[in-house]
Amino acid sequence: MKRLRKLMLFTIFIVTGLIATTFLFLQQSTFGSNPAATRLERIKRSSNYKDGAFQNLEKTDVMAENTSYLGMMSDFINKDKDNVPSKPLPSIRTDLKALPDDKPTVVWFGHSSYLIKSQGVTVLVDPVFSGNASPVSYFGKAYPGSNVYSVDDMPNIDLLVLSHDHYDHLDYLTITKLIPKVKKFYTGLGVGAHLERWGVSADRIVEFDWWESHHVADSLDLTAVPARHFSGRSLTRGKTLWTAYVMKIHGYSLYLGGDSGYGKHIKEIGDKYGPFDLAILECGQYGKDWPNIHMFPEEVATAAQELRAKTVLPVHWAKFSLANHGWTEPIERFTKRATEQNLNFTTPLIGEPVIVGASYPKSRWWHY
C-alpha cells in the first residue's frame, strides 16, 4: 500500500511537472497571443466565427476520416527517400533594392515567401528567413541553398501581407527584424494580436475578414478572400483567420493564394474577381491524410483554371519538407498536368524575377 502511494505521488509529480513545463514553454514570444479586448469583439461579429473558432465555408476536417495515427507514423518513418534535396539548391542573387518595377515584378524566396514591386510600391508576402518553419530550431529546417535571402536584403516594405499564423508563413524572428522596415502589416482577423505582442503598433496593422477590401493607395486595392485551411500556433486552432488575397495593382490583377485546400470558394473567387494576370498558388506539403487543407498538384491546375489565371506561379515547395512526399514531386506533378491542359506557368529559381505580362522564367532547374 505504501509502495502504491509512493508510485501515485511520483506519477502526479511527473504529470504536474510536464504540465508546468508545457505551460511555461508556450509562454514564449514566438507563440504570439490570442486575440482579446476590442480585437476579440470584432472577431465575434464575424459570420465566419462560430463556437469560439473561425470556420471554413464548407465542412473541412484537418485530418481525413478514419485516419490511422499508427499509419501516419509509419508513413513518416518511411517517407520518400528524396524527401529533401541531396545537395544545396541553386539560386540567383537579385538586388531587390534596385529591382525594375515598371510592371509588377515578383521575386520568390522559396516556399511561400515572395516580394512584389510595382511602380515604387513594395509588397512582401509571408516572409520566413530564420532558417526553419517551427517554434524550435531542430524541426522544419530550410534546405541548404534555399535560405540565401535575409531581412538585410529587403528594401523598405510598404505592405507586409500575411496569409495566416502557421510557422511556415508567420515567422517570429523574421517579423521582429523586419518591423523597422515595414510601413503597414495586412493580415486576417486576430493575427494582429501576435504582431502587437512582437512590437508592432496597432495603427500599423490592418486586419481583414473574408470579402473585405482596403484601398491602400491610388491603383492599389487589397481584398481578403476565403481559403480552405485552419490556423493556430499552440494547442488551439481557429482563433485567427486564414485568408487568400486579391491584389489589384497598377492595372494588373494578382491572386495571392496562401494555404488552401481545393473547394467551391475557388470558382466563386474566379467568377467575382477574375481573370488574374498571375495566380500564386500553393503546390506542396500535401498528404492523403489531410486532403482538405492543401491542394494536390493536379487540383492546383484545376484551381488555376477556375480562377481564370493567365499564368500560375506554384509556391509552397523548395524550402521545407513538411510532408512525406519527395521534394520535387509537387512541381513535377503540377507541370505535367498544366502542360496537358495548356495552362501557362512559370518556374523561377529562388531569387529570379518574374515580370507580370512580360517575362516568365520556365526551366526545370530542380534537375541540377
Protein backbone atom coordinates (compact mmCIF):
# COMPACT_ATOMS: atom_id res chain seq x y z
CA MET A 1 0.00 0.00 0.00
CA LYS A 2 2.82 2.35 0.90
CA ARG A 3 4.61 1.49 -2.36
CA LEU A 4 1.42 2.17 -4.35
CA ARG A 5 1.02 5.53 -2.62
CA LYS A 6 4.61 6.46 -3.48
CA LEU A 7 4.03 5.44 -7.09
CA MET A 8 0.90 7.59 -7.27
CA LEU A 9 2.70 10.58 -5.76
CA PHE A 10 5.58 10.13 -8.19
CA THR A 11 3.16 9.92 -11.14
CA ILE A 12 1.35 13.08 -10.00
CA PHE A 13 4.69 14.84 -9.62
CA ILE A 14 5.78 13.86 -13.15
CA VAL A 15 2.45 14.81 -14.74
CA THR A 16 2.35 18.13 -12.87
CA GLY A 17 5.92 18.83 -13.95
CA LEU A 18 5.11 18.10 -17.59
CA ILE A 19 2.05 20.35 -17.47
CA ALA A 20 4.03 23.16 -15.87
CA THR A 21 6.88 22.78 -18.36
CA THR A 22 4.48 22.81 -21.31
CA PHE A 23 2.70 25.87 -19.91
CA LEU A 24 5.96 27.76 -19.46
CA PHE A 25 7.18 26.72 -22.90
CA LEU A 26 4.01 28.07 -24.52
CA GLN A 27 4.53 31.48 -22.88
CA GLN A 28 7.45 32.22 -25.18
CA SER A 29 7.03 35.18 -27.52
CA THR A 30 7.25 33.02 -30.64
CA PHE A 31 3.78 31.60 -29.89
CA GLY A 32 2.25 35.06 -30.03
CA SER A 33 -1.02 35.94 -28.27
CA ASN A 34 -4.68 35.10 -28.62
CA PRO A 35 -6.97 37.98 -29.64
CA ALA A 36 -8.53 39.89 -26.77
CA ALA A 37 -10.47 43.07 -25.96
CA THR A 38 -11.66 45.09 -28.99
CA ARG A 39 -9.93 42.72 -31.41
CA LEU A 40 -11.87 39.76 -30.00
CA GLU A 41 -15.11 41.72 -30.05
CA ARG A 42 -14.68 42.38 -33.76
CA ILE A 43 -13.94 38.69 -34.35
CA LYS A 44 -17.14 37.68 -32.56
CA ARG A 45 -19.12 39.80 -35.02
CA SER A 46 -17.74 37.88 -37.99
CA SER A 47 -20.13 35.50 -39.74
CA ASN A 48 -17.15 33.16 -40.18
CA TYR A 49 -16.61 32.79 -36.41
CA LYS A 50 -18.77 30.26 -34.57
CA ASP A 51 -18.45 28.25 -31.36
CA GLY A 52 -15.25 30.02 -30.37
CA ALA A 53 -13.33 29.47 -33.62
CA PHE A 54 -13.22 30.52 -37.26
CA GLN A 55 -14.90 28.07 -39.65
CA ASN A 56 -14.35 27.17 -43.29
CA LEU A 57 -17.12 27.77 -45.82
CA GLU A 58 -17.60 24.01 -46.21
CA LYS A 59 -17.02 21.07 -43.89
CA THR A 60 -13.25 20.72 -43.57
CA ASP A 61 -11.66 18.16 -41.30
CA VAL A 62 -7.95 18.79 -40.80
CA MET A 63 -7.39 15.03 -40.88
CA ALA A 64 -9.28 12.69 -43.18
CA GLU A 65 -11.92 10.46 -41.60
CA ASN A 66 -10.62 7.11 -40.40
CA THR A 67 -7.04 8.37 -40.44
CA SER A 68 -4.79 5.97 -38.58
CA TYR A 69 -2.20 7.70 -36.42
CA LEU A 70 -0.20 4.50 -36.46
CA GLY A 71 -0.33 4.61 -40.25
CA MET A 72 0.72 8.26 -40.24
CA MET A 73 3.70 7.41 -38.07
CA SER A 74 4.62 4.61 -40.45
CA ASP A 75 4.38 6.98 -43.42
CA PHE A 76 6.59 9.48 -41.62
CA ILE A 77 9.22 6.87 -40.83
CA ASN A 78 9.09 5.52 -44.39
CA LYS A 79 8.83 8.87 -46.17
CA ASP A 80 10.09 9.28 -49.74
CA LYS A 81 13.85 8.74 -49.96
CA ASP A 82 14.08 12.04 -51.86
CA ASN A 83 12.10 13.96 -49.24
CA VAL A 84 14.92 16.51 -49.04
CA PRO A 85 17.44 17.59 -51.73
CA SER A 86 20.74 15.74 -51.85
CA LYS A 87 22.73 18.94 -52.41
CA PRO A 88 22.23 22.71 -51.95
CA LEU A 89 19.60 24.34 -54.14
CA PRO A 90 20.70 26.75 -56.88
CA SER A 91 19.54 30.36 -56.73
CA ILE A 92 20.01 33.79 -58.28
CA ARG A 93 21.17 36.84 -56.36
CA THR A 94 18.98 39.80 -57.28
CA ASP A 95 19.48 43.30 -55.91
CA LEU A 96 15.98 43.78 -54.51
CA LYS A 97 16.61 47.43 -53.71
CA ALA A 98 17.31 48.17 -57.38
CA LEU A 99 14.64 45.91 -58.85
CA PRO A 100 13.00 47.37 -62.02
CA ASP A 101 9.30 47.92 -61.42
CA ASP A 102 7.60 49.39 -64.47
CA LYS A 103 5.38 46.32 -64.32
CA PRO A 104 4.66 44.21 -61.22
CA THR A 105 7.78 42.12 -60.62
CA VAL A 106 7.77 39.09 -58.33
CA VAL A 107 10.82 37.55 -56.66
CA TRP A 108 10.23 34.20 -54.93
CA PHE A 109 12.37 33.16 -51.95
CA GLY A 110 11.25 29.52 -51.73
CA HIS A 111 8.18 28.07 -50.01
CA SER A 112 5.54 30.84 -49.76
CA SER A 113 7.75 33.90 -49.29
CA TYR A 114 7.95 36.42 -52.12
CA LEU A 115 8.35 40.11 -52.86
CA ILE A 116 6.31 42.16 -55.33
CA LYS A 117 7.49 45.52 -56.59
CA SER A 118 5.44 47.79 -58.84
CA GLN A 119 5.86 51.49 -59.67
CA GLY A 120 7.60 52.34 -56.42
CA VAL A 121 5.41 50.14 -54.18
CA THR A 122 7.00 47.16 -52.42
CA VAL A 123 4.96 44.25 -51.08
CA LEU A 124 6.37 41.36 -49.04
CA VAL A 125 4.29 38.21 -48.51
CA ASP A 126 4.68 35.57 -45.75
CA PRO A 127 8.42 36.12 -45.16
CA VAL A 128 10.30 33.30 -43.42
CA PHE A 129 14.05 33.93 -43.32
CA SER A 130 15.02 32.37 -39.97
CA GLY A 131 16.05 29.01 -41.42
CA ASN A 132 13.25 26.86 -40.02
CA ALA A 133 9.46 26.62 -40.04
CA SER A 134 8.65 25.79 -36.44
CA PRO A 135 8.96 27.23 -32.92
CA VAL A 136 12.04 25.08 -32.34
CA SER A 137 15.25 25.17 -34.37
CA TYR A 138 15.60 21.41 -34.81
CA PHE A 139 12.38 20.89 -36.80
CA GLY A 140 11.38 22.17 -40.21
CA LYS A 141 14.85 23.23 -41.28
CA ALA A 142 15.28 25.08 -44.58
CA TYR A 143 17.06 23.18 -47.33
CA PRO A 144 20.72 24.10 -47.84
CA GLY A 145 20.85 26.79 -50.51
CA SER A 146 17.21 27.87 -50.06
CA ASN A 147 17.78 30.44 -47.34
CA VAL A 148 20.07 32.74 -49.31
CA TYR A 149 17.98 35.90 -48.74
CA SER A 150 17.70 37.61 -45.37
CA VAL A 151 16.00 40.62 -43.81
CA ASP A 152 19.07 42.69 -44.65
CA ASP A 153 18.44 42.07 -48.36
CA MET A 154 14.93 43.51 -48.18
CA PRO A 155 14.17 47.08 -49.25
CA ASN A 156 11.74 49.18 -47.24
CA ILE A 157 8.32 47.49 -47.34
CA ASP A 158 5.06 49.37 -47.95
CA LEU A 159 2.80 46.35 -47.38
CA LEU A 160 3.74 43.22 -45.45
CA VAL A 161 0.96 40.74 -46.26
CA LEU A 162 0.35 37.68 -44.08
CA SER A 163 -1.97 34.83 -45.07
CA HIS A 164 -2.23 33.10 -41.67
CA ASP A 165 -0.34 32.38 -38.47
CA HIS A 166 1.30 28.99 -39.14
CA TYR A 167 5.05 28.96 -38.58
CA ASP A 168 5.95 28.44 -42.24
CA HIS A 169 4.11 31.69 -43.07
CA LEU A 170 4.41 33.83 -39.95
CA ASP A 171 7.92 33.70 -38.51
CA TYR A 172 8.65 35.44 -35.21
CA LEU A 173 12.34 36.05 -35.79
CA THR A 174 11.80 37.38 -39.30
CA ILE A 175 8.92 39.68 -38.33
CA THR A 176 10.72 41.22 -35.35
CA LYS A 177 13.74 42.04 -37.54
CA LEU A 178 11.52 43.47 -40.30
CA ILE A 179 9.45 45.79 -38.11
CA PRO A 180 11.64 48.90 -38.69
CA LYS A 181 11.41 48.41 -42.48
CA VAL A 182 7.63 47.96 -42.75
CA LYS A 183 5.08 50.74 -43.20
CA LYS A 184 1.96 48.59 -42.61
CA PHE A 185 1.00 44.97 -41.96
CA TYR A 186 -2.06 43.42 -43.65
CA THR A 187 -3.49 40.16 -42.34
CA GLY A 188 -6.56 38.17 -41.30
CA LEU A 189 -8.68 38.85 -38.24
CA GLY A 190 -6.87 38.15 -34.98
CA VAL A 191 -3.33 37.80 -36.33
CA GLY A 192 -2.65 41.36 -35.19
CA ALA A 193 -2.55 40.05 -31.61
CA HIS A 194 0.68 38.20 -32.45
CA LEU A 195 2.12 41.24 -34.18
CA GLU A 196 1.33 43.59 -31.29
CA ARG A 197 2.99 41.26 -28.81
CA TRP A 198 6.09 41.31 -31.01
CA GLY A 199 6.28 45.10 -31.07
CA VAL A 200 4.10 46.29 -33.98
CA SER A 201 1.90 49.23 -33.01
CA ALA A 202 -1.85 48.80 -33.55
CA ASP A 203 -2.04 51.71 -36.02
CA ARG A 204 0.27 49.83 -38.41
CA ILE A 205 -1.96 46.73 -38.57
CA VAL A 206 -4.91 46.23 -40.94
CA GLU A 207 -6.99 43.09 -40.30
CA PHE A 208 -9.46 41.61 -42.80
CA ASP A 209 -12.46 39.37 -42.68
CA TRP A 210 -13.22 37.46 -45.88
CA TRP A 211 -14.54 39.65 -48.71
CA GLU A 212 -13.36 42.86 -47.04
CA SER A 213 -11.32 45.30 -49.14
CA HIS A 214 -8.85 48.02 -48.31
CA HIS A 215 -7.98 50.86 -50.66
CA VAL A 216 -4.25 51.12 -49.98
CA ALA A 217 -3.32 53.82 -52.47
CA ASP A 218 -4.06 55.04 -55.98
CA SER A 219 -4.33 51.98 -58.26
CA LEU A 220 -3.74 49.61 -55.34
CA ASP A 221 -6.50 47.65 -53.63
CA LEU A 222 -6.27 44.53 -51.46
CA THR A 223 -9.21 42.20 -50.81
CA ALA A 224 -9.21 39.20 -48.47
CA VAL A 225 -10.93 36.15 -49.93
CA PRO A 226 -11.73 32.72 -48.44
CA ALA A 227 -9.25 29.89 -48.19
CA ARG A 228 -9.86 26.33 -47.00
CA HIS A 229 -7.38 25.78 -44.21
CA PHE A 230 -7.00 26.39 -40.45
CA SER A 231 -4.85 28.40 -38.04
CA GLY A 232 -3.08 28.09 -34.71
CA ARG A 233 0.37 28.44 -33.16
CA SER A 234 -0.11 26.48 -29.92
CA LEU A 235 -2.66 23.97 -28.66
CA THR A 236 -5.81 25.59 -30.03
CA ARG A 237 -6.99 26.14 -33.59
CA GLY A 238 -9.13 28.71 -35.30
CA LYS A 239 -8.55 31.71 -33.04
CA THR A 240 -7.29 33.73 -36.02
CA LEU A 241 -8.43 33.84 -39.64
CA TRP A 242 -6.61 32.26 -42.58
CA THR A 243 -7.05 34.00 -45.92
CA ALA A 244 -6.00 34.48 -49.52
CA TYR A 245 -5.92 37.86 -51.25
CA VAL A 246 -6.88 39.56 -54.48
CA MET A 247 -4.48 42.39 -55.28
CA LYS A 248 -5.33 44.97 -57.91
CA ILE A 249 -2.10 46.86 -58.56
CA HIS A 250 -1.43 49.44 -61.27
CA GLY A 251 -3.82 47.88 -63.75
CA TYR A 252 -2.88 44.26 -63.03
CA SER A 253 -4.74 41.61 -61.06
CA LEU A 254 -2.85 39.16 -58.84
CA TYR A 255 -4.11 36.26 -56.75
CA LEU A 256 -2.08 35.62 -53.59
CA GLY A 257 -3.25 32.19 -52.59
CA GLY A 258 -1.86 31.49 -49.12
CA ASP A 259 -2.62 27.94 -47.98
CA SER A 260 -5.85 26.32 -49.10
CA GLY A 261 -7.39 23.03 -49.97
CA TYR A 262 -9.48 22.83 -53.12
CA GLY A 263 -13.11 23.80 -52.70
CA LYS A 264 -16.10 25.67 -54.05
CA HIS A 265 -14.63 29.01 -52.96
CA ILE A 266 -12.09 28.88 -55.80
CA LYS A 267 -14.64 29.22 -58.60
CA GLU A 268 -16.55 31.86 -56.63
CA ILE A 269 -13.40 33.97 -56.39
CA GLY A 270 -12.65 33.47 -60.08
CA ASP A 271 -16.18 34.45 -61.07
CA LYS A 272 -16.11 37.54 -58.86
CA TYR A 273 -12.57 38.85 -59.37
CA GLY A 274 -11.01 37.03 -62.33
CA PRO A 275 -9.34 36.85 -64.68
CA PHE A 276 -5.94 37.13 -62.97
CA ASP A 277 -2.75 38.11 -64.72
CA LEU A 278 -0.86 35.93 -62.25
CA ALA A 279 -2.08 33.44 -59.64
CA ILE A 280 0.44 32.47 -56.95
CA LEU A 281 -0.81 29.11 -55.68
CA GLU A 282 0.45 26.68 -53.06
CA CYS A 283 1.75 23.44 -54.55
CA GLY A 284 3.29 21.13 -51.97
CA GLN A 285 3.18 19.76 -48.41
CA TYR A 286 0.02 17.76 -49.21
CA GLY A 287 -0.81 14.28 -47.97
CA LYS A 288 -3.51 11.62 -48.26
CA ASP A 289 -4.25 12.01 -44.55
CA TRP A 290 -5.01 15.76 -44.84
CA PRO A 291 -6.64 16.09 -48.29
CA ASN A 292 -8.89 19.05 -47.44
CA ILE A 293 -6.38 21.66 -46.25
CA HIS A 294 -3.74 21.56 -49.02
CA MET A 295 -4.26 21.08 -52.73
CA PHE A 296 -2.76 18.16 -54.59
CA PRO A 297 -0.77 19.32 -57.65
CA GLU A 298 -3.49 18.33 -60.11
CA GLU A 299 -6.01 20.35 -58.07
CA VAL A 300 -3.72 23.37 -58.36
CA ALA A 301 -4.11 23.22 -62.15
CA THR A 302 -7.90 22.94 -61.79
CA ALA A 303 -7.96 25.85 -59.34
CA ALA A 304 -5.96 27.99 -61.76
CA GLN A 305 -8.49 27.36 -64.50
CA GLU A 306 -11.41 28.21 -62.21
CA LEU A 307 -9.65 31.41 -61.12
CA ARG A 308 -9.18 32.20 -64.83
CA ALA A 309 -5.47 32.71 -64.27
CA LYS A 310 -3.41 33.67 -67.30
CA THR A 311 -0.23 32.36 -65.65
CA VAL A 312 0.48 30.38 -62.46
CA LEU A 313 3.46 30.64 -60.12
CA PRO A 314 3.49 27.46 -57.96
CA VAL A 315 4.87 28.02 -54.45
CA HIS A 316 4.86 26.25 -51.05
CA TRP A 317 7.74 23.99 -52.08
CA ALA A 318 11.56 24.10 -52.45
CA LYS A 319 12.41 25.20 -48.92
CA PHE A 320 10.91 22.95 -46.24
CA SER A 321 9.79 19.32 -46.12
CA LEU A 322 6.59 19.45 -44.07
CA ALA A 323 5.05 16.37 -45.70
CA ASN A 324 6.28 12.91 -46.70
CA HIS A 325 6.44 13.26 -50.49
CA GLY A 326 9.63 13.79 -52.50
CA TRP A 327 10.72 17.41 -52.56
CA THR A 328 10.33 17.68 -56.37
CA GLU A 329 7.13 15.65 -56.60
CA PRO A 330 4.79 18.69 -56.33
CA ILE A 331 6.39 20.63 -59.18
CA GLU A 332 6.74 17.54 -61.38
CA ARG A 333 3.09 16.60 -60.97
CA PHE A 334 1.85 20.16 -61.40
CA THR A 335 3.86 20.97 -64.52
CA LYS A 336 2.79 17.67 -66.09
CA ARG A 337 -0.91 18.42 -65.56
CA ALA A 338 -0.54 22.09 -66.52
CA THR A 339 1.21 21.12 -69.77
CA GLU A 340 -1.56 18.61 -70.57
CA GLN A 341 -4.14 21.36 -70.07
CA ASN A 342 -2.20 24.10 -71.93
CA LEU A 343 -2.00 26.15 -68.74
CA ASN A 344 0.70 28.80 -68.69
CA PHE A 345 3.04 28.62 -65.70
CA THR A 346 6.37 29.99 -64.55
CA THR A 347 9.05 28.14 -62.57
CA PRO A 348 11.71 30.65 -61.50
CA LEU A 349 14.74 29.81 -59.41
CA ILE A 350 14.82 31.27 -55.94
CA GLY A 351 15.66 34.94 -56.48
CA GLU A 352 14.86 35.03 -60.21
CA PRO A 353 12.50 37.90 -61.15
CA VAL A 354 9.11 37.23 -62.75
CA ILE A 355 7.77 40.26 -64.63
CA VAL A 356 3.99 40.08 -64.93
CA GLY A 357 2.88 40.15 -68.53
CA ALA A 358 6.44 40.27 -69.84
CA SER A 359 8.88 37.66 -68.52
CA TYR A 360 8.01 34.24 -67.14
CA PRO A 361 11.13 32.13 -66.43
CA LYS A 362 10.43 28.50 -67.18
CA SER A 363 13.07 25.85 -66.65
CA ARG A 364 13.36 22.53 -64.86
CA TRP A 365 16.02 23.96 -62.59
CA TRP A 366 15.33 21.37 -59.89
CA HIS A 367 17.14 18.83 -62.13
CA TYR A 368 20.54 20.20 -61.23
